N, C-alpha and C. Protein backbone atom coordinates (compact mmCIF):
# COMPACT_ATOMS: atom_id res chain seq x y z
N MET A 1 0.54 7.15 26.33
CA MET A 1 -0.04 6.06 25.57
C MET A 1 0.53 4.74 26.09
N ALA A 2 -0.30 3.76 26.21
CA ALA A 2 0.12 2.45 26.66
C ALA A 2 1.06 1.81 25.63
N THR A 3 1.99 1.00 26.10
CA THR A 3 2.91 0.31 25.21
C THR A 3 2.18 -0.82 24.50
N LEU A 4 2.32 -0.87 23.19
CA LEU A 4 1.71 -1.94 22.41
C LEU A 4 2.60 -3.17 22.43
N GLN A 5 1.99 -4.32 22.55
CA GLN A 5 2.76 -5.54 22.40
C GLN A 5 3.05 -5.74 20.92
N GLN A 6 4.07 -6.54 20.63
CA GLN A 6 4.41 -6.85 19.24
C GLN A 6 3.20 -7.48 18.57
N SER A 7 2.81 -6.96 17.44
CA SER A 7 1.66 -7.50 16.73
C SER A 7 1.77 -7.19 15.24
N ILE A 8 1.02 -7.92 14.44
CA ILE A 8 0.91 -7.66 13.02
C ILE A 8 -0.53 -7.21 12.75
N VAL A 9 -0.67 -6.07 12.12
CA VAL A 9 -1.98 -5.51 11.81
C VAL A 9 -2.16 -5.48 10.30
N ALA A 10 -3.34 -5.86 9.83
CA ALA A 10 -3.64 -5.84 8.40
C ALA A 10 -4.43 -4.57 8.07
N LEU A 11 -3.93 -3.77 7.14
CA LEU A 11 -4.59 -2.55 6.69
C LEU A 11 -5.06 -2.77 5.26
N GLN A 12 -6.33 -2.48 4.99
CA GLN A 12 -6.88 -2.74 3.66
C GLN A 12 -7.06 -1.45 2.86
N PHE A 13 -6.70 -1.54 1.58
CA PHE A 13 -6.86 -0.46 0.62
C PHE A 13 -7.54 -1.06 -0.61
N ALA A 14 -8.50 -0.34 -1.18
CA ALA A 14 -9.22 -0.89 -2.33
C ALA A 14 -9.78 0.23 -3.18
N LEU A 15 -9.94 -0.06 -4.48
CA LEU A 15 -10.54 0.91 -5.39
C LEU A 15 -11.27 0.16 -6.49
N ALA A 16 -12.53 0.48 -6.66
CA ALA A 16 -13.31 -0.09 -7.75
C ALA A 16 -12.94 0.62 -9.04
N ASP A 17 -12.65 -0.16 -10.06
CA ASP A 17 -12.30 0.38 -11.38
C ASP A 17 -11.23 1.47 -11.29
N ALA A 18 -10.08 1.08 -10.74
CA ALA A 18 -8.96 2.01 -10.61
C ALA A 18 -8.59 2.59 -11.97
N PRO A 19 -8.60 3.91 -12.11
CA PRO A 19 -8.30 4.53 -13.40
C PRO A 19 -6.82 4.42 -13.74
N ALA A 20 -6.50 4.68 -14.98
CA ALA A 20 -5.10 4.67 -15.43
C ALA A 20 -4.31 5.68 -14.61
N ALA A 21 -3.12 5.28 -14.19
CA ALA A 21 -2.25 6.16 -13.41
C ALA A 21 -0.80 5.83 -13.76
N PRO A 22 -0.37 6.15 -14.99
CA PRO A 22 0.99 5.80 -15.37
C PRO A 22 2.05 6.47 -14.50
N GLY A 23 1.75 7.64 -13.95
CA GLY A 23 2.70 8.34 -13.09
C GLY A 23 2.51 8.03 -11.62
N GLY A 24 1.50 7.24 -11.29
CA GLY A 24 1.23 6.88 -9.90
C GLY A 24 0.07 7.65 -9.31
N ALA A 25 -0.71 6.98 -8.46
CA ALA A 25 -1.84 7.59 -7.77
C ALA A 25 -2.06 6.85 -6.46
N ALA A 26 -2.69 7.52 -5.50
CA ALA A 26 -2.98 6.90 -4.21
C ALA A 26 -4.16 5.95 -4.33
N LEU A 27 -4.05 4.83 -3.67
CA LEU A 27 -5.16 3.88 -3.54
C LEU A 27 -5.75 4.12 -2.16
N PRO A 28 -7.01 4.48 -2.04
CA PRO A 28 -7.55 4.87 -0.73
C PRO A 28 -7.75 3.69 0.21
N PRO A 29 -7.72 3.97 1.52
CA PRO A 29 -8.04 2.92 2.49
C PRO A 29 -9.46 2.41 2.22
N ALA A 30 -9.69 1.12 2.47
CA ALA A 30 -11.01 0.53 2.24
C ALA A 30 -12.07 1.29 3.03
N GLY A 31 -13.18 1.58 2.38
CA GLY A 31 -14.28 2.29 3.00
C GLY A 31 -14.22 3.80 2.79
N ILE A 32 -13.13 4.32 2.27
CA ILE A 32 -13.02 5.75 1.97
C ILE A 32 -13.42 5.95 0.51
N PRO A 33 -14.31 6.88 0.21
CA PRO A 33 -14.83 7.01 -1.16
C PRO A 33 -13.81 7.47 -2.20
N ASP A 34 -12.80 8.23 -1.79
CA ASP A 34 -11.75 8.65 -2.73
C ASP A 34 -10.51 9.02 -1.93
N ALA A 35 -9.43 9.30 -2.63
CA ALA A 35 -8.16 9.58 -1.95
C ALA A 35 -7.85 11.07 -1.90
N VAL A 36 -8.83 11.93 -2.17
CA VAL A 36 -8.58 13.37 -2.20
C VAL A 36 -8.27 13.91 -0.81
N ASP A 37 -9.10 13.55 0.19
CA ASP A 37 -8.92 14.09 1.54
C ASP A 37 -8.12 13.18 2.45
N LEU A 38 -8.25 11.88 2.26
CA LEU A 38 -7.59 10.92 3.13
C LEU A 38 -7.15 9.73 2.30
N ALA A 39 -5.86 9.63 2.04
CA ALA A 39 -5.33 8.53 1.25
C ALA A 39 -4.43 7.62 2.09
N CYS A 40 -4.18 8.01 3.33
CA CYS A 40 -3.25 7.27 4.17
C CYS A 40 -3.84 7.09 5.57
N ILE A 41 -3.28 6.15 6.30
CA ILE A 41 -3.77 5.84 7.64
C ILE A 41 -2.71 6.30 8.65
N PRO A 42 -3.13 7.09 9.68
CA PRO A 42 -2.16 7.55 10.68
C PRO A 42 -1.71 6.39 11.58
N MET A 43 -0.43 6.35 11.88
CA MET A 43 0.13 5.31 12.72
C MET A 43 0.29 5.84 14.15
N PRO A 44 -0.30 5.16 15.14
CA PRO A 44 -0.24 5.63 16.52
C PRO A 44 1.08 5.30 17.22
N ALA A 45 1.87 4.40 16.64
CA ALA A 45 3.13 3.99 17.27
C ALA A 45 4.14 3.68 16.17
N THR A 46 5.39 3.54 16.55
CA THR A 46 6.41 3.18 15.58
C THR A 46 6.21 1.74 15.11
N GLY A 47 6.75 1.45 13.94
CA GLY A 47 6.64 0.10 13.41
C GLY A 47 7.25 0.00 12.03
N THR A 48 6.93 -1.10 11.34
CA THR A 48 7.47 -1.37 10.01
C THR A 48 6.40 -2.03 9.15
N ILE A 49 6.31 -1.61 7.90
CA ILE A 49 5.46 -2.32 6.95
C ILE A 49 6.25 -3.55 6.53
N VAL A 50 5.71 -4.74 6.81
CA VAL A 50 6.47 -5.97 6.59
C VAL A 50 5.91 -6.86 5.48
N GLY A 51 4.74 -6.53 4.95
CA GLY A 51 4.20 -7.37 3.89
C GLY A 51 3.13 -6.66 3.08
N ILE A 52 2.90 -7.21 1.88
CA ILE A 52 1.87 -6.68 0.99
C ILE A 52 1.24 -7.85 0.24
N ALA A 53 -0.06 -7.77 0.04
CA ALA A 53 -0.78 -8.74 -0.78
C ALA A 53 -1.68 -7.94 -1.72
N VAL A 54 -1.56 -8.18 -3.01
CA VAL A 54 -2.31 -7.43 -4.03
C VAL A 54 -3.14 -8.41 -4.84
N THR A 55 -4.41 -8.09 -5.05
CA THR A 55 -5.26 -8.87 -5.94
C THR A 55 -6.01 -7.93 -6.86
N GLY A 56 -6.33 -8.41 -8.03
CA GLY A 56 -7.07 -7.64 -9.01
C GLY A 56 -7.26 -8.47 -10.25
N SER A 57 -7.85 -7.87 -11.25
CA SER A 57 -8.11 -8.59 -12.49
C SER A 57 -7.84 -7.69 -13.68
N PRO A 58 -6.57 -7.32 -13.89
CA PRO A 58 -6.26 -6.44 -15.02
C PRO A 58 -6.65 -7.07 -16.36
N ALA A 59 -7.00 -6.23 -17.30
CA ALA A 59 -7.34 -6.69 -18.64
C ALA A 59 -6.09 -7.16 -19.37
N THR A 60 -6.26 -7.86 -20.45
CA THR A 60 -5.14 -8.35 -21.24
C THR A 60 -4.22 -7.19 -21.62
N GLY A 61 -2.92 -7.35 -21.34
CA GLY A 61 -1.94 -6.32 -21.67
C GLY A 61 -1.75 -5.26 -20.62
N ASP A 62 -2.59 -5.26 -19.57
CA ASP A 62 -2.48 -4.25 -18.51
C ASP A 62 -1.69 -4.80 -17.33
N GLN A 63 -0.96 -3.91 -16.67
CA GLN A 63 -0.26 -4.23 -15.43
C GLN A 63 -0.56 -3.16 -14.40
N VAL A 64 -0.67 -3.57 -13.14
CA VAL A 64 -0.82 -2.64 -12.03
C VAL A 64 0.29 -2.95 -11.03
N SER A 65 1.12 -1.94 -10.74
CA SER A 65 2.19 -2.07 -9.75
C SER A 65 1.80 -1.29 -8.50
N VAL A 66 2.04 -1.90 -7.34
CA VAL A 66 1.61 -1.32 -6.08
C VAL A 66 2.78 -1.35 -5.10
N ALA A 67 2.93 -0.26 -4.34
CA ALA A 67 3.96 -0.20 -3.30
C ALA A 67 3.45 0.64 -2.13
N PRO A 68 3.82 0.28 -0.90
CA PRO A 68 3.45 1.07 0.27
C PRO A 68 4.20 2.41 0.27
N THR A 69 3.61 3.38 0.97
CA THR A 69 4.25 4.68 1.16
C THR A 69 4.22 5.05 2.64
N ILE A 70 5.18 5.89 3.02
CA ILE A 70 5.25 6.40 4.39
C ILE A 70 5.54 7.89 4.30
N GLY A 71 4.71 8.69 4.98
CA GLY A 71 4.92 10.13 4.91
C GLY A 71 4.28 10.88 6.05
N ALA A 72 4.26 12.21 5.92
CA ALA A 72 3.76 13.09 6.97
C ALA A 72 2.38 13.67 6.65
N SER A 73 1.80 13.32 5.51
CA SER A 73 0.54 13.94 5.08
C SER A 73 -0.56 12.88 4.95
N PRO A 74 -1.78 13.21 5.38
CA PRO A 74 -2.89 12.27 5.22
C PRO A 74 -3.27 12.05 3.76
N THR A 75 -2.85 12.94 2.88
CA THR A 75 -3.15 12.77 1.45
C THR A 75 -2.03 12.04 0.72
N GLY A 76 -0.93 11.76 1.40
CA GLY A 76 0.18 11.05 0.77
C GLY A 76 1.17 11.94 0.04
N THR A 77 0.96 13.24 0.06
CA THR A 77 1.86 14.17 -0.62
C THR A 77 3.27 14.07 -0.05
N GLY A 78 4.25 13.87 -0.91
CA GLY A 78 5.65 13.82 -0.50
C GLY A 78 6.05 12.55 0.21
N ALA A 79 5.22 11.52 0.17
CA ALA A 79 5.53 10.27 0.87
C ALA A 79 6.65 9.50 0.18
N ALA A 80 7.44 8.79 0.96
CA ALA A 80 8.50 7.93 0.42
C ALA A 80 7.89 6.57 0.05
N VAL A 81 8.30 6.04 -1.08
CA VAL A 81 7.80 4.75 -1.55
C VAL A 81 8.68 3.64 -1.00
N GLN A 82 8.06 2.59 -0.47
CA GLN A 82 8.79 1.43 0.04
C GLN A 82 9.00 0.45 -1.11
N THR A 83 10.08 0.62 -1.84
CA THR A 83 10.33 -0.19 -3.04
C THR A 83 10.62 -1.65 -2.74
N SER A 84 10.99 -1.97 -1.50
CA SER A 84 11.26 -3.36 -1.15
C SER A 84 9.99 -4.22 -1.19
N LEU A 85 8.82 -3.60 -1.17
CA LEU A 85 7.56 -4.34 -1.21
C LEU A 85 6.75 -4.03 -2.47
N LEU A 86 7.41 -3.67 -3.55
CA LEU A 86 6.72 -3.44 -4.82
C LEU A 86 6.13 -4.75 -5.32
N ALA A 87 4.86 -4.75 -5.67
CA ALA A 87 4.18 -5.95 -6.19
C ALA A 87 3.43 -5.57 -7.46
N THR A 88 3.51 -6.42 -8.48
CA THR A 88 2.88 -6.15 -9.77
C THR A 88 1.96 -7.30 -10.15
N ILE A 89 0.74 -6.93 -10.60
CA ILE A 89 -0.21 -7.93 -11.10
C ILE A 89 -0.51 -7.66 -12.57
N SER A 90 -0.96 -8.69 -13.24
CA SER A 90 -1.33 -8.58 -14.66
C SER A 90 -2.48 -9.54 -14.93
N ASN A 91 -2.92 -9.62 -16.19
CA ASN A 91 -4.02 -10.53 -16.48
C ASN A 91 -3.59 -11.99 -16.36
N THR A 92 -2.31 -12.27 -16.42
CA THR A 92 -1.84 -13.65 -16.25
C THR A 92 -1.39 -13.94 -14.83
N GLN A 93 -1.15 -12.91 -14.03
CA GLN A 93 -0.79 -13.07 -12.61
C GLN A 93 -1.66 -12.10 -11.82
N ARG A 94 -2.80 -12.56 -11.35
CA ARG A 94 -3.81 -11.69 -10.74
C ARG A 94 -3.62 -11.47 -9.25
N ALA A 95 -2.58 -12.06 -8.70
CA ALA A 95 -2.26 -11.83 -7.28
C ALA A 95 -0.75 -11.81 -7.13
N ALA A 96 -0.29 -10.99 -6.21
CA ALA A 96 1.14 -10.92 -5.91
C ALA A 96 1.29 -10.57 -4.44
N SER A 97 2.38 -11.02 -3.85
CA SER A 97 2.63 -10.69 -2.45
C SER A 97 4.14 -10.65 -2.21
N ALA A 98 4.50 -10.00 -1.13
CA ALA A 98 5.91 -9.92 -0.73
C ALA A 98 5.97 -9.72 0.78
N VAL A 99 7.04 -10.21 1.39
CA VAL A 99 7.25 -10.09 2.83
C VAL A 99 8.70 -9.69 3.06
N VAL A 100 8.93 -8.79 4.04
CA VAL A 100 10.28 -8.39 4.42
C VAL A 100 10.42 -8.50 5.94
N SER A 101 11.62 -8.30 6.42
CA SER A 101 11.93 -8.35 7.84
C SER A 101 11.37 -7.12 8.57
N LYS A 102 11.13 -7.28 9.86
CA LYS A 102 10.69 -6.13 10.67
C LYS A 102 11.79 -5.08 10.79
N ASP A 103 12.99 -5.41 10.33
CA ASP A 103 14.11 -4.48 10.35
C ASP A 103 14.33 -3.80 9.00
N GLN A 104 13.43 -4.00 8.05
CA GLN A 104 13.57 -3.41 6.71
C GLN A 104 13.58 -1.89 6.81
N SER A 105 14.68 -1.26 6.43
CA SER A 105 14.86 0.18 6.66
C SER A 105 13.85 1.05 5.91
N ASP A 106 13.51 0.72 4.66
CA ASP A 106 12.60 1.60 3.92
C ASP A 106 11.13 1.40 4.32
N GLY A 107 10.85 0.46 5.24
CA GLY A 107 9.49 0.24 5.70
C GLY A 107 9.21 0.75 7.10
N GLN A 108 10.21 1.36 7.75
CA GLN A 108 10.03 1.81 9.12
C GLN A 108 9.35 3.18 9.17
N PHE A 109 8.45 3.32 10.13
CA PHE A 109 7.76 4.60 10.32
C PHE A 109 7.75 4.96 11.79
N SER A 110 7.49 6.24 12.07
CA SER A 110 7.40 6.75 13.44
C SER A 110 5.95 7.01 13.80
N ALA A 111 5.68 7.11 15.09
CA ALA A 111 4.34 7.48 15.54
C ALA A 111 3.97 8.82 14.92
N GLY A 112 2.77 8.91 14.40
CA GLY A 112 2.30 10.15 13.78
C GLY A 112 2.48 10.21 12.27
N GLN A 113 3.27 9.30 11.71
CA GLN A 113 3.41 9.27 10.26
C GLN A 113 2.21 8.54 9.64
N TYR A 114 2.07 8.67 8.34
CA TYR A 114 0.94 8.10 7.62
C TYR A 114 1.42 7.00 6.67
N VAL A 115 0.70 5.88 6.67
CA VAL A 115 1.00 4.75 5.80
C VAL A 115 -0.05 4.72 4.70
N GLY A 116 0.39 4.56 3.46
CA GLY A 116 -0.53 4.51 2.33
C GLY A 116 -0.06 3.55 1.26
N VAL A 117 -0.74 3.59 0.13
CA VAL A 117 -0.43 2.74 -1.01
C VAL A 117 -0.45 3.58 -2.27
N LEU A 118 0.58 3.42 -3.09
CA LEU A 118 0.66 4.10 -4.37
C LEU A 118 0.58 3.04 -5.46
N TYR A 119 -0.27 3.26 -6.46
CA TYR A 119 -0.34 2.32 -7.57
C TYR A 119 -0.02 3.04 -8.87
N SER A 120 0.51 2.29 -9.82
CA SER A 120 0.74 2.83 -11.16
C SER A 120 0.34 1.76 -12.15
N THR A 121 -0.02 2.21 -13.34
CA THR A 121 -0.50 1.29 -14.38
C THR A 121 0.37 1.40 -15.62
N SER A 122 0.42 0.32 -16.35
CA SER A 122 1.05 0.33 -17.67
C SER A 122 0.24 -0.59 -18.57
N SER A 123 0.31 -0.36 -19.85
CA SER A 123 -0.52 -1.11 -20.78
C SER A 123 0.16 -1.19 -22.13
N THR A 124 -0.10 -2.28 -22.84
CA THR A 124 0.40 -2.40 -24.21
C THR A 124 -0.59 -1.79 -25.19
N GLY A 125 -1.69 -1.30 -24.68
CA GLY A 125 -2.72 -0.67 -25.51
C GLY A 125 -3.47 0.35 -24.66
N THR A 126 -4.76 0.36 -24.74
CA THR A 126 -5.59 1.24 -23.92
C THR A 126 -5.86 0.57 -22.59
N TYR A 127 -5.51 1.24 -21.51
CA TYR A 127 -5.71 0.67 -20.17
C TYR A 127 -7.21 0.54 -19.87
N THR A 128 -7.60 -0.60 -19.29
CA THR A 128 -8.99 -0.85 -18.91
C THR A 128 -9.11 -0.82 -17.39
N PRO A 129 -9.89 0.12 -16.82
CA PRO A 129 -10.03 0.19 -15.37
C PRO A 129 -10.59 -1.11 -14.79
N ARG A 130 -10.00 -1.58 -13.72
CA ARG A 130 -10.44 -2.78 -13.01
C ARG A 130 -10.24 -2.59 -11.52
N ASP A 131 -10.93 -3.40 -10.72
CA ASP A 131 -10.82 -3.33 -9.27
C ASP A 131 -9.43 -3.77 -8.80
N VAL A 132 -8.96 -3.13 -7.74
CA VAL A 132 -7.67 -3.48 -7.13
C VAL A 132 -7.87 -3.50 -5.62
N GLN A 133 -7.36 -4.55 -4.97
CA GLN A 133 -7.42 -4.64 -3.52
C GLN A 133 -6.03 -4.95 -2.98
N VAL A 134 -5.64 -4.22 -1.93
CA VAL A 134 -4.31 -4.38 -1.34
C VAL A 134 -4.45 -4.53 0.17
N VAL A 135 -3.68 -5.44 0.74
CA VAL A 135 -3.59 -5.57 2.19
C VAL A 135 -2.13 -5.34 2.56
N LEU A 136 -1.91 -4.37 3.46
CA LEU A 136 -0.56 -4.13 4.00
C LEU A 136 -0.50 -4.80 5.37
N PHE A 137 0.61 -5.44 5.65
CA PHE A 137 0.84 -6.05 6.95
C PHE A 137 1.87 -5.21 7.68
N VAL A 138 1.46 -4.68 8.84
CA VAL A 138 2.29 -3.74 9.59
C VAL A 138 2.66 -4.35 10.93
N SER A 139 3.93 -4.33 11.24
CA SER A 139 4.44 -4.80 12.53
C SER A 139 4.51 -3.59 13.46
N THR A 140 3.85 -3.67 14.61
CA THR A 140 3.82 -2.54 15.52
C THR A 140 4.24 -2.96 16.92
N GLY A 141 4.62 -1.99 17.70
CA GLY A 141 4.85 -2.21 19.12
C GLY A 141 6.22 -2.73 19.48
N ARG A 142 6.33 -3.19 20.68
CA ARG A 142 7.60 -3.64 21.24
C ARG A 142 8.02 -4.98 20.65
N THR A 143 9.31 -5.14 20.48
CA THR A 143 9.83 -6.41 19.98
C THR A 143 10.61 -7.15 21.04
N ASP A 144 10.72 -6.58 22.25
CA ASP A 144 11.54 -7.22 23.29
C ASP A 144 10.70 -7.97 24.31
N LEU A 145 9.46 -8.29 23.96
CA LEU A 145 8.59 -9.02 24.89
C LEU A 145 8.80 -10.49 24.79
């Protein structure tokens, strides 16, 4: 495989009317109809998840927390959660973002691993499903160029 130059790649994940998931659920890559068969994107080279941007419109009293995952399964089973990039949105804060260093240890992955997004919900009443969109920023390739 050719050596990749240092670059930042944006990976999109989205779900229309994300259902309640107090214990956590996978948010599928954009364009995938559900997360049953494919909830994560395979990484062709080593790198680090360095940023996250979350947007949505939770109902009053609802919160959606989102964090990247790194694992060995395309369905996200057994994936490690990157807690350094946890982002939470609510009806009063409809967007959240975070950025870390390319050296962030819990965001590093190897070639062949899968990158995904796990979301969880909480509510002061009955959770109302709403759309959620997430962009992960991934640093890939050589850093000595």
